[in-house]
Amino acid sequence: MLRNTSLIVCLTLAVLAVGCSNAPAPPPDTRVADVQAVKNLEAAAAKDANAKDAEKWAGFFAEDASGLFPGAGILNGRAAIKAAIAPLFADPNFSLSLQSTRAMASKGGDMVYLQGTYTMTMTDPKTKKPMTDKGKYLTIFTKQPDRSWKAIADTYNSDSPM
């Protein structure tokens, strides 16, 4: 009887060991690579902005993205965002620099946000001279079905007093 019990216990442990060893491995942690991919995308978008290429710059956004920009309501869709930014790109004094200061990626590998500071130069509408604005931004990106990253929400605001 003891021999049969020992045999059953050994067989049970063997089955459990085999079952546990075939468990699927956890998905790889891609957070570092995801953040780097989005930072590279942001650098390319800033380059497109400084080249004043509104069409290429707008490609940085998902088709259903939202822009939450100063002095405007919520802009829904890539076309609305492009239309709102186009006057800035037409300004001969326009330039933009971005410096991300914080980034975080989801463990699931489908979302990244970047937070940072910007410096933007444009023509002052009153004086018609170049003026520089400094402020902060927050952009949220999601991984698209084709595995590319697109901004789905973008907002910025000035550090200047209102």
N, C-alpha and C. Protein backbone atom coordinates (compact mmCIF):
# COMPACT_ATOMS: atom_id res chain seq x y z
N MET A 1 0.83 -1.19 0.00
CA MET A 1 0.00 0.00 0.00
C MET A 1 0.87 1.26 0.00
N LEU A 2 1.88 1.28 0.84
CA LEU A 2 2.79 2.43 0.90
C LEU A 2 3.51 2.60 -0.43
N ARG A 3 3.84 1.47 -1.03
CA ARG A 3 4.53 1.51 -2.32
C ARG A 3 3.63 2.14 -3.39
N ASN A 4 2.34 1.80 -3.42
CA ASN A 4 1.40 2.37 -4.39
C ASN A 4 1.21 3.87 -4.15
N THR A 5 1.12 4.27 -2.90
CA THR A 5 0.96 5.68 -2.56
C THR A 5 2.19 6.46 -3.01
N SER A 6 3.36 5.92 -2.77
CA SER A 6 4.60 6.58 -3.19
C SER A 6 4.66 6.71 -4.70
N LEU A 7 4.23 5.67 -5.40
CA LEU A 7 4.22 5.69 -6.86
C LEU A 7 3.27 6.77 -7.38
N ILE A 8 2.11 6.88 -6.78
CA ILE A 8 1.12 7.88 -7.20
C ILE A 8 1.65 9.29 -6.93
N VAL A 9 2.27 9.51 -5.78
CA VAL A 9 2.83 10.82 -5.44
C VAL A 9 3.93 11.18 -6.44
N CYS A 10 4.80 10.25 -6.77
CA CYS A 10 5.89 10.50 -7.72
C CYS A 10 5.35 10.83 -9.10
N LEU A 11 4.34 10.07 -9.54
CA LEU A 11 3.75 10.34 -10.84
C LEU A 11 3.06 11.71 -10.87
N THR A 12 2.39 12.06 -9.80
CA THR A 12 1.73 13.36 -9.72
C THR A 12 2.75 14.48 -9.79
N LEU A 13 3.84 14.36 -9.06
CA LEU A 13 4.89 15.38 -9.08
C LEU A 13 5.53 15.47 -10.46
N ALA A 14 5.70 14.35 -11.13
CA ALA A 14 6.29 14.35 -12.48
C ALA A 14 5.37 15.07 -13.45
N VAL A 15 4.06 14.80 -13.37
CA VAL A 15 3.10 15.45 -14.25
C VAL A 15 3.09 16.95 -13.98
N LEU A 16 3.11 17.35 -12.73
CA LEU A 16 3.13 18.77 -12.39
C LEU A 16 4.40 19.43 -12.90
N ALA A 17 5.54 18.77 -12.76
CA ALA A 17 6.81 19.34 -13.22
C ALA A 17 6.79 19.53 -14.73
N VAL A 18 6.27 18.55 -15.46
CA VAL A 18 6.20 18.67 -16.91
C VAL A 18 5.23 19.78 -17.29
N GLY A 19 4.11 19.85 -16.63
CA GLY A 19 3.12 20.88 -16.92
C GLY A 19 3.66 22.27 -16.66
N CYS A 20 4.40 22.44 -15.60
CA CYS A 20 4.95 23.75 -15.27
C CYS A 20 6.07 24.14 -16.22
N SER A 21 6.83 23.18 -16.67
CA SER A 21 7.95 23.50 -17.54
C SER A 21 7.48 23.90 -18.93
N ASN A 22 6.27 23.58 -19.31
CA ASN A 22 5.73 23.95 -20.62
C ASN A 22 4.91 25.22 -20.58
N ALA A 23 4.89 25.89 -19.45
CA ALA A 23 4.15 27.14 -19.34
C ALA A 23 4.76 28.16 -20.29
N PRO A 24 3.92 28.96 -20.95
CA PRO A 24 4.46 29.95 -21.88
C PRO A 24 5.31 30.98 -21.14
N ALA A 25 6.37 31.39 -21.80
CA ALA A 25 7.25 32.41 -21.21
C ALA A 25 6.50 33.74 -21.22
N PRO A 26 6.76 34.57 -20.24
CA PRO A 26 6.12 35.89 -20.24
C PRO A 26 6.60 36.68 -21.46
N PRO A 27 5.76 37.60 -21.95
CA PRO A 27 6.20 38.39 -23.10
C PRO A 27 7.44 39.20 -22.74
N PRO A 28 8.27 39.48 -23.72
CA PRO A 28 9.48 40.25 -23.42
C PRO A 28 9.12 41.67 -22.98
N ASP A 29 9.95 42.24 -22.15
CA ASP A 29 9.76 43.61 -21.69
C ASP A 29 10.40 44.54 -22.72
N THR A 30 9.57 45.24 -23.49
CA THR A 30 10.06 46.10 -24.57
C THR A 30 10.00 47.58 -24.22
N ARG A 31 9.81 47.91 -22.96
CA ARG A 31 9.61 49.30 -22.58
C ARG A 31 10.76 50.22 -22.99
N VAL A 32 11.99 49.79 -22.79
CA VAL A 32 13.13 50.64 -23.15
C VAL A 32 13.15 50.89 -24.65
N ALA A 33 12.96 49.84 -25.43
CA ALA A 33 12.93 49.98 -26.89
C ALA A 33 11.74 50.82 -27.35
N ASP A 34 10.60 50.66 -26.70
CA ASP A 34 9.41 51.42 -27.07
C ASP A 34 9.64 52.91 -26.83
N VAL A 35 10.20 53.26 -25.68
CA VAL A 35 10.48 54.67 -25.39
C VAL A 35 11.46 55.23 -26.42
N GLN A 36 12.50 54.47 -26.74
CA GLN A 36 13.48 54.95 -27.71
C GLN A 36 12.85 55.15 -29.08
N ALA A 37 12.00 54.23 -29.49
CA ALA A 37 11.32 54.36 -30.80
C ALA A 37 10.48 55.63 -30.84
N VAL A 38 9.78 55.93 -29.75
CA VAL A 38 8.93 57.12 -29.72
C VAL A 38 9.78 58.39 -29.65
N LYS A 39 10.89 58.36 -28.92
CA LYS A 39 11.78 59.52 -28.91
C LYS A 39 12.35 59.78 -30.30
N ASN A 40 12.68 58.73 -31.03
CA ASN A 40 13.16 58.89 -32.40
C ASN A 40 12.07 59.49 -33.28
N LEU A 41 10.84 59.05 -33.09
CA LEU A 41 9.72 59.59 -33.84
C LEU A 41 9.53 61.07 -33.52
N GLU A 42 9.64 61.42 -32.25
CA GLU A 42 9.48 62.82 -31.85
C GLU A 42 10.57 63.68 -32.48
N ALA A 43 11.80 63.19 -32.52
CA ALA A 43 12.90 63.94 -33.14
C ALA A 43 12.63 64.15 -34.63
N ALA A 44 12.12 63.13 -35.30
CA ALA A 44 11.78 63.25 -36.72
C ALA A 44 10.65 64.26 -36.92
N ALA A 45 9.66 64.25 -36.04
CA ALA A 45 8.55 65.19 -36.14
C ALA A 45 9.03 66.62 -35.94
N ALA A 46 9.95 66.85 -34.99
CA ALA A 46 10.50 68.20 -34.78
C ALA A 46 11.27 68.65 -36.02
N LYS A 47 11.98 67.73 -36.64
CA LYS A 47 12.72 68.04 -37.87
C LYS A 47 11.73 68.44 -38.97
N ASP A 48 10.64 67.70 -39.09
CA ASP A 48 9.62 68.03 -40.09
C ASP A 48 8.98 69.39 -39.80
N ALA A 49 8.77 69.69 -38.52
CA ALA A 49 8.20 70.99 -38.15
C ALA A 49 9.16 72.11 -38.56
N ASN A 50 10.43 71.93 -38.29
CA ASN A 50 11.41 72.97 -38.64
C ASN A 50 11.61 73.09 -40.15
N ALA A 51 11.32 72.02 -40.88
CA ALA A 51 11.34 72.07 -42.34
C ALA A 51 10.04 72.66 -42.87
N LYS A 52 9.10 72.91 -41.96
CA LYS A 52 7.79 73.48 -42.26
C LYS A 52 7.01 72.61 -43.24
N ASP A 53 7.17 71.31 -43.06
CA ASP A 53 6.47 70.34 -43.91
C ASP A 53 5.24 69.85 -43.15
N ALA A 54 4.13 70.57 -43.31
CA ALA A 54 2.92 70.27 -42.55
C ALA A 54 2.38 68.88 -42.85
N GLU A 55 2.46 68.48 -44.09
CA GLU A 55 1.94 67.15 -44.47
C GLU A 55 2.73 66.04 -43.79
N LYS A 56 4.03 66.14 -43.86
CA LYS A 56 4.87 65.11 -43.24
C LYS A 56 4.72 65.15 -41.72
N TRP A 57 4.69 66.36 -41.16
CA TRP A 57 4.55 66.50 -39.72
C TRP A 57 3.23 65.90 -39.24
N ALA A 58 2.16 66.11 -39.99
CA ALA A 58 0.85 65.60 -39.59
C ALA A 58 0.83 64.07 -39.57
N GLY A 59 1.71 63.44 -40.34
CA GLY A 59 1.80 61.98 -40.34
C GLY A 59 2.26 61.41 -39.01
N PHE A 60 2.77 62.23 -38.14
CA PHE A 60 3.18 61.88 -36.78
C PHE A 60 1.98 61.48 -35.92
N PHE A 61 0.78 61.94 -36.34
CA PHE A 61 -0.45 61.72 -35.58
C PHE A 61 -1.26 60.57 -36.15
N ALA A 62 -1.97 59.87 -35.29
CA ALA A 62 -2.95 58.87 -35.72
C ALA A 62 -4.10 59.62 -36.39
N GLU A 63 -4.79 58.94 -37.25
CA GLU A 63 -5.90 59.56 -37.99
C GLU A 63 -6.95 60.14 -37.04
N ASP A 64 -7.16 59.49 -35.88
CA ASP A 64 -8.18 59.93 -34.92
C ASP A 64 -7.58 60.63 -33.70
N ALA A 65 -6.40 61.20 -33.85
CA ALA A 65 -5.72 61.88 -32.74
C ALA A 65 -6.48 63.12 -32.29
N SER A 66 -6.15 63.58 -31.09
CA SER A 66 -6.72 64.81 -30.54
C SER A 66 -5.58 65.78 -30.24
N GLY A 67 -5.80 67.04 -30.59
CA GLY A 67 -4.86 68.11 -30.25
C GLY A 67 -5.53 69.02 -29.24
N LEU A 68 -4.85 69.28 -28.15
CA LEU A 68 -5.37 70.15 -27.11
C LEU A 68 -4.40 71.33 -26.99
N PHE A 69 -4.60 72.32 -27.86
CA PHE A 69 -3.64 73.41 -28.00
C PHE A 69 -4.20 74.69 -27.40
N PRO A 70 -3.33 75.59 -26.97
CA PRO A 70 -3.79 76.85 -26.37
C PRO A 70 -4.67 77.65 -27.33
N GLY A 71 -5.71 78.24 -26.78
CA GLY A 71 -6.57 79.13 -27.54
C GLY A 71 -7.49 78.44 -28.52
N ALA A 72 -7.64 77.13 -28.40
CA ALA A 72 -8.51 76.39 -29.32
C ALA A 72 -9.27 75.33 -28.53
N GLY A 73 -10.38 74.92 -29.09
CA GLY A 73 -11.09 73.78 -28.52
C GLY A 73 -10.33 72.51 -28.84
N ILE A 74 -10.88 71.39 -28.48
CA ILE A 74 -10.24 70.11 -28.79
C ILE A 74 -10.29 69.91 -30.30
N LEU A 75 -9.14 69.65 -30.87
CA LEU A 75 -9.05 69.38 -32.30
C LEU A 75 -9.11 67.87 -32.48
N ASN A 76 -10.10 67.41 -33.19
CA ASN A 76 -10.28 65.97 -33.39
C ASN A 76 -9.88 65.58 -34.80
N GLY A 77 -8.88 64.72 -34.89
CA GLY A 77 -8.45 64.20 -36.17
C GLY A 77 -7.19 64.86 -36.70
N ARG A 78 -6.44 64.07 -37.46
CA ARG A 78 -5.18 64.53 -38.04
C ARG A 78 -5.39 65.78 -38.91
N ALA A 79 -6.44 65.81 -39.71
CA ALA A 79 -6.68 66.94 -40.60
C ALA A 79 -6.90 68.23 -39.81
N ALA A 80 -7.64 68.17 -38.72
CA ALA A 80 -7.89 69.36 -37.90
C ALA A 80 -6.61 69.84 -37.23
N ILE A 81 -5.79 68.92 -36.78
CA ILE A 81 -4.51 69.29 -36.16
C ILE A 81 -3.62 69.96 -37.19
N LYS A 82 -3.53 69.38 -38.36
CA LYS A 82 -2.70 69.94 -39.44
C LYS A 82 -3.18 71.35 -39.79
N ALA A 83 -4.49 71.54 -39.92
CA ALA A 83 -5.04 72.85 -40.27
C ALA A 83 -4.72 73.90 -39.19
N ALA A 84 -4.74 73.49 -37.93
CA ALA A 84 -4.46 74.42 -36.83
C ALA A 84 -2.99 74.83 -36.79
N ILE A 85 -2.11 73.94 -37.17
CA ILE A 85 -0.67 74.20 -37.10
C ILE A 85 -0.14 74.85 -38.38
N ALA A 86 -0.83 74.68 -39.49
CA ALA A 86 -0.36 75.20 -40.78
C ALA A 86 0.02 76.68 -40.75
N PRO A 87 -0.74 77.57 -40.08
CA PRO A 87 -0.32 78.98 -40.04
C PRO A 87 1.04 79.19 -39.36
N LEU A 88 1.34 78.40 -38.36
CA LEU A 88 2.66 78.50 -37.73
C LEU A 88 3.76 78.14 -38.71
N PHE A 89 3.54 77.08 -39.48
CA PHE A 89 4.55 76.63 -40.43
C PHE A 89 4.73 77.64 -41.56
N ALA A 90 3.72 78.45 -41.83
CA ALA A 90 3.82 79.49 -42.86
C ALA A 90 4.61 80.70 -42.38
N ASP A 91 4.82 80.81 -41.09
CA ASP A 91 5.55 81.92 -40.50
C ASP A 91 7.05 81.78 -40.80
N PRO A 92 7.67 82.76 -41.44
CA PRO A 92 9.10 82.64 -41.76
C PRO A 92 10.00 82.58 -40.52
N ASN A 93 9.50 83.05 -39.38
CA ASN A 93 10.30 83.02 -38.14
C ASN A 93 10.08 81.76 -37.31
N PHE A 94 9.20 80.88 -37.76
CA PHE A 94 8.88 79.70 -36.96
C PHE A 94 10.06 78.75 -36.82
N SER A 95 10.29 78.31 -35.59
CA SER A 95 11.22 77.21 -35.31
C SER A 95 10.77 76.56 -34.00
N LEU A 96 11.15 75.30 -33.84
CA LEU A 96 10.70 74.53 -32.68
C LEU A 96 11.81 73.61 -32.21
N SER A 97 12.01 73.57 -30.91
CA SER A 97 12.89 72.54 -30.34
C SER A 97 12.15 71.89 -29.18
N LEU A 98 12.32 70.58 -29.08
CA LEU A 98 11.67 69.78 -28.04
C LEU A 98 12.73 69.07 -27.23
N GLN A 99 12.48 68.96 -25.94
CA GLN A 99 13.39 68.22 -25.06
C GLN A 99 12.54 67.38 -24.12
N SER A 100 12.45 66.08 -24.40
CA SER A 100 11.66 65.24 -23.50
C SER A 100 12.42 65.09 -22.19
N THR A 101 11.68 65.21 -21.10
CA THR A 101 12.28 65.13 -19.77
C THR A 101 11.77 63.94 -18.97
N ARG A 102 10.71 63.34 -19.48
CA ARG A 102 10.15 62.16 -18.80
C ARG A 102 9.45 61.32 -19.85
N ALA A 103 9.65 60.03 -19.75
CA ALA A 103 9.01 59.11 -20.68
C ALA A 103 8.64 57.85 -19.93
N MET A 104 7.52 57.28 -20.32
CA MET A 104 7.10 56.03 -19.70
C MET A 104 6.36 55.21 -20.73
N ALA A 105 6.67 53.92 -20.75
CA ALA A 105 6.00 52.98 -21.65
C ALA A 105 5.20 51.99 -20.82
N SER A 106 4.09 51.55 -21.40
CA SER A 106 3.29 50.54 -20.72
C SER A 106 4.01 49.19 -20.78
N LYS A 107 3.79 48.39 -19.77
CA LYS A 107 4.40 47.07 -19.74
C LYS A 107 3.86 46.20 -20.87
N GLY A 108 2.65 46.47 -21.31
CA GLY A 108 2.03 45.70 -22.39
C GLY A 108 2.59 46.04 -23.77
N GLY A 109 3.40 47.11 -23.87
CA GLY A 109 4.03 47.45 -25.13
C GLY A 109 3.14 48.16 -26.13
N ASP A 110 2.05 48.78 -25.66
CA ASP A 110 1.15 49.41 -26.62
C ASP A 110 0.96 50.92 -26.42
N MET A 111 1.59 51.50 -25.38
CA MET A 111 1.42 52.92 -25.12
C MET A 111 2.69 53.52 -24.53
N VAL A 112 3.01 54.74 -24.95
CA VAL A 112 4.15 55.50 -24.41
C VAL A 112 3.70 56.94 -24.27
N TYR A 113 4.16 57.60 -23.21
CA TYR A 113 3.95 59.04 -23.18
C TYR A 113 5.29 59.73 -23.02
N LEU A 114 5.39 60.92 -23.61
CA LEU A 114 6.55 61.78 -23.45
C LEU A 114 6.09 63.10 -22.87
N GLN A 115 6.84 63.58 -21.92
CA GLN A 115 6.60 64.88 -21.30
C GLN A 115 7.89 65.65 -21.44
N GLY A 116 7.80 66.94 -21.69
CA GLY A 116 9.04 67.68 -21.83
C GLY A 116 8.81 69.16 -21.95
N THR A 117 9.85 69.83 -22.42
CA THR A 117 9.82 71.27 -22.61
C THR A 117 10.02 71.60 -24.08
N TYR A 118 9.53 72.75 -24.46
CA TYR A 118 9.72 73.21 -25.84
C TYR A 118 10.19 74.66 -25.84
N THR A 119 10.82 75.03 -26.92
CA THR A 119 11.13 76.42 -27.24
C THR A 119 10.63 76.65 -28.66
N MET A 120 9.78 77.63 -28.82
CA MET A 120 9.19 77.91 -30.13
C MET A 120 9.37 79.39 -30.45
N THR A 121 9.85 79.66 -31.64
CA THR A 121 9.99 81.03 -32.11
C THR A 121 8.97 81.25 -33.21
N MET A 122 8.35 82.41 -33.20
CA MET A 122 7.35 82.77 -34.21
C MET A 122 7.30 84.29 -34.29
N THR A 123 6.54 84.80 -35.22
CA THR A 123 6.37 86.24 -35.36
C THR A 123 5.29 86.72 -34.40
N ASP A 124 5.63 87.75 -33.61
CA ASP A 124 4.65 88.35 -32.71
C ASP A 124 3.61 89.08 -33.56
N PRO A 125 2.32 88.74 -33.40
CA PRO A 125 1.30 89.38 -34.24
C PRO A 125 1.21 90.89 -34.04
N LYS A 126 1.58 91.38 -32.87
CA LYS A 126 1.48 92.82 -32.60
C LYS A 126 2.68 93.59 -33.13
N THR A 127 3.88 93.11 -32.82
CA THR A 127 5.09 93.86 -33.18
C THR A 127 5.67 93.44 -34.52
N LYS A 128 5.23 92.29 -35.03
CA LYS A 128 5.74 91.72 -36.29
C LYS A 128 7.23 91.35 -36.20
N LYS A 129 7.73 91.22 -34.97
CA LYS A 129 9.12 90.82 -34.75
C LYS A 129 9.14 89.41 -34.18
N PRO A 130 10.26 88.70 -34.35
CA PRO A 130 10.35 87.35 -33.79
C PRO A 130 10.21 87.37 -32.27
N MET A 131 9.50 86.41 -31.75
CA MET A 131 9.37 86.24 -30.30
C MET A 131 9.56 84.76 -29.99
N THR A 132 10.06 84.50 -28.81
CA THR A 132 10.32 83.11 -28.41
C THR A 132 9.45 82.78 -27.21
N ASP A 133 8.83 81.62 -27.28
CA ASP A 133 7.98 81.13 -26.20
C ASP A 133 8.58 79.83 -25.69
N LYS A 134 8.56 79.67 -24.40
CA LYS A 134 9.01 78.41 -23.77
C LYS A 134 7.85 77.85 -22.98
N GLY A 135 7.75 76.53 -22.98
CA GLY A 135 6.66 75.89 -22.26
C GLY A 135 6.89 74.41 -22.11
N LYS A 136 5.80 73.70 -21.89
CA LYS A 136 5.88 72.25 -21.67
C LYS A 136 4.83 71.55 -22.52
N TYR A 137 5.05 70.25 -22.71
CA TYR A 137 4.13 69.47 -23.54
C TYR A 137 3.98 68.07 -22.96
N LEU A 138 2.93 67.42 -23.41
CA LEU A 138 2.66 66.02 -23.08
C LEU A 138 2.06 65.39 -24.32
N THR A 139 2.66 64.30 -24.77
CA THR A 139 2.16 63.59 -25.95
C THR A 139 2.02 62.11 -25.61
N ILE A 140 0.90 61.54 -25.99
CA ILE A 140 0.64 60.12 -25.75
C ILE A 140 0.63 59.41 -27.10
N PHE A 141 1.36 58.30 -27.16
CA PHE A 141 1.50 57.52 -28.38
C PHE A 141 0.93 56.13 -28.16
N THR A 142 0.37 55.55 -29.22
CA THR A 142 -0.03 54.15 -29.16
C THR A 142 0.57 53.41 -30.35
N LYS A 143 0.79 52.13 -30.13
CA LYS A 143 1.30 51.29 -31.20
C LYS A 143 0.13 50.95 -32.12
N GLN A 144 0.34 51.15 -33.39
CA GLN A 144 -0.69 50.93 -34.40
C GLN A 144 -0.68 49.47 -34.86
N PRO A 145 -1.73 49.04 -35.55
CA PRO A 145 -1.78 47.65 -36.03
C PRO A 145 -0.57 47.26 -36.88
N ASP A 146 0.03 48.25 -37.59
CA ASP A 146 1.21 47.94 -38.41
C ASP A 146 2.51 47.99 -37.60
N ARG A 147 2.39 48.12 -36.27
CA ARG A 147 3.50 48.14 -35.31
C ARG A 147 4.23 49.49 -35.25
N SER A 148 3.77 50.49 -36.02
CA SER A 148 4.36 51.82 -35.93
C SER A 148 3.75 52.55 -34.72
N TRP A 149 4.36 53.64 -34.34
CA TRP A 149 3.86 54.46 -33.25
C TRP A 149 3.27 55.74 -33.82
N LYS A 150 2.13 56.18 -33.27
CA LYS A 150 1.49 57.43 -33.66
C LYS A 150 1.03 58.16 -32.41
N ALA A 151 1.07 59.49 -32.46
CA ALA A 151 0.54 60.30 -31.36
C ALA A 151 -0.99 60.25 -31.43
N ILE A 152 -1.60 60.00 -30.28
CA ILE A 152 -3.06 59.99 -30.23
C ILE A 152 -3.61 61.19 -29.45
N ALA A 153 -2.76 61.82 -28.66
CA ALA A 153 -3.16 63.02 -27.93
C ALA A 153 -1.91 63.86 -27.71
N ASP A 154 -2.06 65.16 -27.95
CA ASP A 154 -0.92 66.07 -27.83
C ASP A 154 -1.41 67.38 -27.26
N THR A 155 -0.68 67.88 -26.28
CA THR A 155 -1.02 69.17 -25.71
C THR A 155 0.25 69.91 -25.32
N TYR A 156 0.18 71.21 -25.37
CA TYR A 156 1.29 72.04 -24.92
C TYR A 156 0.73 73.34 -24.36
N ASN A 157 1.51 73.96 -23.49
CA ASN A 157 1.14 75.29 -23.01
C ASN A 157 2.37 76.05 -22.57
N SER A 158 2.25 77.35 -22.64
CA SER A 158 3.35 78.27 -22.39
C SER A 158 3.66 78.40 -20.90
N ASP A 159 4.92 78.68 -20.62
CA ASP A 159 5.31 79.01 -19.25
C ASP A 159 5.05 80.49 -18.95
N SER A 160 4.75 81.28 -19.99
CA SER A 160 4.51 82.71 -19.82
C SER A 160 3.20 82.94 -19.08
N PRO A 161 3.15 83.99 -18.26
CA PRO A 161 1.87 84.28 -17.57
C PRO A 161 0.81 84.66 -18.59
N MET A 162 -0.41 84.36 -18.25
CA MET A 162 -1.51 84.66 -19.19
C MET A 162 -1.88 86.10 -19.18
